[in-house]
Protein backbone atom coordinates (compact mmCIF):
# COMPACT_ATOMS: atom_id res chain seq x y z
CA UNK A 1 -19.74 -12.42 -2.24
CA UNK A 2 -21.93 -10.79 0.48
CA UNK A 3 -20.89 -8.46 3.11
CA UNK A 4 -21.79 -9.33 6.82
CA UNK A 5 -23.45 -7.06 9.14
CA UNK A 6 -21.00 -5.48 11.54
CA UNK A 7 -19.97 -2.09 12.84
CA UNK A 8 -21.15 0.79 10.86
CA UNK A 9 -18.82 2.02 8.24
CA UNK A 10 -18.35 5.81 8.35
CA UNK A 11 -19.93 7.65 5.29
CA UNK A 12 -16.89 9.48 4.74
CA UNK A 13 -14.58 6.56 4.67
CA UNK A 14 -10.87 6.69 5.70
CA UNK A 15 -8.58 9.35 4.11
CA UNK A 16 -5.09 8.75 3.22
CA UNK A 17 -2.07 9.78 1.54
CA UNK A 18 0.11 6.99 -0.21
CA UNK A 19 3.27 6.59 -2.19
CA UNK A 20 4.26 3.35 -3.58
CA UNK A 21 7.25 2.07 -5.68
CA UNK A 22 7.11 -1.33 -7.56
CA UNK A 23 10.27 -2.99 -8.69
CA UNK A 24 10.68 -6.46 -10.70
CA UNK A 25 12.58 -9.28 -9.08
CA UNK A 26 12.97 -10.84 -5.57
CA UNK A 27 13.73 -8.97 -2.36
CA UNK A 28 17.50 -8.94 -1.85
CA UNK A 29 18.65 -9.54 1.64
CA UNK A 30 20.35 -6.38 1.71
CA UNK A 31 17.18 -4.73 1.27
CA UNK A 32 15.54 -6.68 3.84
CA UNK A 33 18.36 -5.72 6.26
CA UNK A 34 17.94 -2.17 5.48
CA UNK A 35 14.36 -2.18 6.22
CA UNK A 36 15.12 -4.16 9.62
CA UNK A 37 16.52 -1.15 11.25
CA UNK A 38 12.73 -0.63 12.35
CA UNK A 39 10.47 -3.04 14.22
CA UNK A 40 8.18 -4.59 11.84
CA UNK A 41 5.29 -7.21 11.72
CA UNK A 42 5.28 -9.65 9.15
CA UNK A 43 2.31 -11.27 7.39
CA UNK A 44 1.26 -13.17 4.12
CA UNK A 45 -1.92 -12.88 2.26
CA UNK A 46 -3.49 -12.98 -1.01
CA UNK A 47 -5.65 -10.01 -2.43
CA UNK A 48 -7.97 -10.20 -5.48
CA UNK A 49 -8.18 -6.98 -7.53
CA UNK A 50 -11.13 -6.18 -9.78
CA UNK A 51 -9.74 -5.24 -13.34
CA UNK A 52 -12.67 -5.54 -15.69
CA UNK A 53 -14.80 -3.53 -15.89
CA UNK A 54 -12.47 -0.56 -15.42
CA UNK A 55 -13.93 1.67 -12.87
CA UNK A 56 -12.10 5.03 -13.54
CA UNK A 57 -10.87 6.45 -10.34
CA UNK A 58 -11.76 3.50 -8.14
CA UNK A 59 -9.88 0.49 -6.80
CA UNK A 60 -11.73 -2.39 -5.79
CA UNK A 61 -10.31 -5.57 -4.14
CA UNK A 62 -11.09 -8.50 -1.72
CA UNK A 63 -8.63 -8.46 1.06
CA UNK A 64 -7.33 -12.00 2.30
CA UNK A 65 -10.84 -13.28 1.45
CA UNK A 66 -12.18 -11.45 4.58
CA UNK A 67 -13.28 -7.88 3.37
CA UNK A 68 -14.41 -5.99 0.40
CA UNK A 69 -12.36 -2.88 0.09
CA UNK A 70 -13.41 0.07 -2.20
CA UNK A 71 -10.82 3.05 -2.70
CA UNK A 72 -11.56 6.27 -4.46
CA UNK A 73 -8.84 8.27 -5.99
CA UNK A 74 -8.81 12.02 -5.17
CA UNK A 75 -5.72 13.17 -7.05
CA UNK A 76 -2.25 14.06 -6.37
CA UNK A 77 -1.38 16.75 -3.83
CA UNK A 78 2.23 16.97 -5.00
CA UNK A 79 5.57 14.96 -5.07
CA UNK A 80 7.46 13.12 -2.30
CA UNK A 81 11.11 14.08 -2.83
CA UNK A 82 13.96 12.82 -0.52
CA UNK A 83 16.86 13.95 -2.77
CA UNK A 84 19.28 11.22 -3.77
CA UNK A 85 17.00 8.58 -2.26
CA UNK A 86 13.44 8.49 -3.41
CA UNK A 87 10.91 10.57 -5.66
CA UNK A 88 7.35 9.68 -6.27
CA UNK A 89 3.90 11.26 -6.79
CA UNK A 90 1.76 11.38 -3.64
CA UNK A 91 -1.65 9.99 -4.11
CA UNK A 92 -4.80 10.90 -2.04
CA UNK A 93 -7.31 8.12 -1.40
CA UNK A 94 -10.52 7.59 0.50
CA UNK A 95 -11.24 4.06 1.59
CA UNK A 96 -14.11 1.95 2.82
CA UNK A 97 -13.97 -1.46 4.15
CA UNK A 98 -16.73 -4.20 4.39
CA UNK A 99 -16.23 -7.37 6.21
CA UNK A 100 -17.48 -10.58 4.10
CA UNK A 101 -19.95 -13.00 5.28
CA UNK A 102 -18.22 -15.77 3.69
CA UNK A 103 -14.85 -16.36 2.43
CA UNK A 104 -13.98 -15.85 -1.33
CA UNK A 105 -12.18 -18.59 -3.07
CA UNK A 106 -9.92 -18.45 -6.17
CA UNK A 107 -10.58 -14.71 -6.74
CA UNK A 108 -7.72 -14.74 -9.20
CA UNK A 109 -9.50 -17.17 -11.41
CA UNK A 110 -12.63 -15.26 -11.60
CA UNK A 111 -13.07 -13.40 -14.94
CA UNK A 112 -12.10 -9.74 -14.46
CA UNK A 113 -10.13 -10.30 -11.27
CA UNK A 114 -6.25 -10.62 -10.71
CA UNK A 115 -4.89 -12.31 -7.71
CA UNK A 116 -1.63 -10.92 -5.90
CA UNK A 117 0.10 -13.22 -3.39
CA UNK A 118 1.97 -10.86 -0.92
CA UNK A 119 4.57 -11.35 1.83
CA UNK A 120 4.56 -8.16 3.78
CA UNK A 121 6.93 -6.46 6.27
CA UNK A 122 5.09 -3.43 7.89
CA UNK A 123 6.65 -0.85 10.26
CA UNK A 124 4.37 1.98 11.90
CA UNK A 125 5.32 5.15 12.78
CA UNK A 126 3.55 8.29 14.27
CA UNK A 127 4.04 11.95 15.10
CA UNK A 128 4.83 12.79 18.86
CA UNK A 129 5.76 16.51 19.80
CA UNK A 130 6.98 17.27 16.14
CA UNK A 131 9.21 14.02 16.01
CA UNK A 132 8.48 10.67 14.40
CA UNK A 133 8.49 7.64 16.66
CA UNK A 134 7.61 3.85 16.03
CA UNK A 135 3.88 3.07 16.78
CA UNK A 136 3.67 -0.43 18.05
CA UNK A 137 0.63 -1.11 18.57
CA UNK A 138 -0.82 1.26 15.92
CA UNK A 139 -2.96 4.10 16.94
CA UNK A 140 -6.47 4.28 16.65
CA UNK A 141 -6.62 7.75 15.40
CA UNK A 142 -3.24 8.88 14.28
CA UNK A 143 -1.51 10.64 12.65
CA UNK A 144 0.24 7.42 11.53
CA UNK A 145 2.32 6.42 8.61
CA UNK A 146 2.63 2.69 7.80
CA UNK A 147 5.71 1.61 5.83
CA UNK A 148 5.60 -1.52 3.94
CA UNK A 149 8.09 -3.64 2.29
CA UNK A 150 6.51 -6.43 0.20
CA UNK A 151 7.52 -9.33 -2.01
CA UNK A 152 4.57 -10.29 -4.23
CA UNK A 153 3.69 -12.75 -7.01
CA UNK A 154 1.61 -12.03 -9.89
CA UNK A 155 1.24 -13.57 -13.48
CA UNK A 156 3.96 -16.09 -12.73
CA UNK A 157 6.68 -13.37 -11.92
CA UNK A 158 8.06 -11.96 -8.54
CA UNK A 159 8.16 -8.15 -7.65
CA UNK A 160 8.84 -6.16 -4.67
CA UNK A 161 7.46 -2.74 -3.39
CA UNK A 162 8.19 -0.17 -1.00
CA UNK A 163 5.03 1.69 0.27
CA UNK A 164 3.89 4.63 2.59
CA UNK A 165 0.43 5.03 3.85
CA UNK A 166 -0.35 8.27 6.06
CA UNK A 167 -3.54 8.09 7.90
CA UNK A 168 -5.34 10.19 10.67
CA UNK A 169 -6.34 13.78 10.77
CA UNK A 170 -6.43 15.27 7.17
CA UNK A 171 -4.55 18.50 8.37
CA UNK A 172 -1.36 16.16 9.57
CA UNK A 173 -1.27 13.63 6.83
CA UNK A 174 1.39 15.39 4.51
CA UNK A 175 3.46 16.20 7.78
CA UNK A 176 3.23 12.43 8.72
CA UNK A 177 4.24 11.17 5.43
CA UNK A 178 7.05 13.54 4.58
CA UNK A 179 8.66 13.19 8.39
CA UNK A 180 8.36 9.30 8.09
CA UNK A 181 10.09 9.06 4.64
CA UNK A 182 13.04 11.43 5.91
CA UNK A 183 13.44 8.90 8.88
CA UNK A 184 13.16 5.81 6.72
CA UNK A 185 15.28 7.22 3.97
CA UNK A 186 17.88 8.70 6.18
CA UNK A 187 19.81 5.54 5.27
CA UNK A 188 20.09 5.02 1.41
CA UNK A 189 18.67 1.69 -0.08
CA UNK A 190 21.64 -0.75 -0.74
CA UNK A 191 23.01 -1.30 -4.08
CA UNK A 192 21.68 0.21 -7.35
CA UNK A 193 18.22 0.37 -6.26
CA UNK A 194 16.34 3.68 -7.58
CA UNK A 195 12.93 4.61 -6.36
CA UNK A 196 12.14 7.07 -9.07
CA UNK A 197 8.81 8.28 -10.59
CA UNK A 198 9.15 5.75 -13.40
CA UNK A 199 8.25 2.79 -10.77
CA UNK A 200 6.06 4.83 -8.68
CA UNK A 201 2.45 3.58 -8.86
CA UNK A 202 -0.38 2.01 -6.85
CA UNK A 203 -1.11 -1.87 -7.17
CA UNK A 204 -4.16 -1.01 -9.12
CA UNK A 205 -2.21 0.89 -11.80
CA UNK A 206 0.48 -1.78 -11.82
CA UNK A 207 -1.95 -4.35 -12.73
CA UNK A 208 -3.60 -2.35 -15.30
CA UNK A 209 -0.23 -1.96 -17.00
CA UNK A 210 0.78 -5.58 -16.67
CA UNK A 211 -2.36 -7.43 -17.20
CA UNK A 212 -2.48 -10.40 -19.65
CA UNK A 213 -4.25 -9.71 -23.03
CA UNK A 214 -7.57 -11.32 -23.39
CA UNK A 215 -7.63 -14.58 -25.27
């Protein structure tokens, strides 16, 4: 694969605070209805993640055969805790994205790469005068928090995920994430769904834990 010439990528990349929960099984209609309280865009795509070699602290993926994305992990600034609704470890990331000059096919069949097929619903929110409102279309600068409800397939099995990603000015990331989570979890998830620390992880962490043993 080769990156094509395009707009200059900022040397500092894009900072974000993220929390993600991943659970087994298909998305229940009730959960989709719970998320449907907010306007959301829908999209399907395939992402290929680099698993081998293990680049400690880095997540590398080819997004939708269009861009190479590199994310550097900068530790956890704390816990997101919405009592009785969700509890997870916040992750701090720095991301760079490079457009590819030609599509990358069958990334999941290449040695060391794993393919995830995603069907995503994404709602976007922003801080405005101290309150959270929907952000449609997304802002160019932020602060903004994207909330994602995704069903995905990997390794012949189906899983689903709830994820938050706050972007924008560094000093407002935590406020945007916290305020958005309070709004979204103002209504509890239906049924016996528990978003706990046990299922809180990034896609890269999940893949590392569920990778198939080498033959």
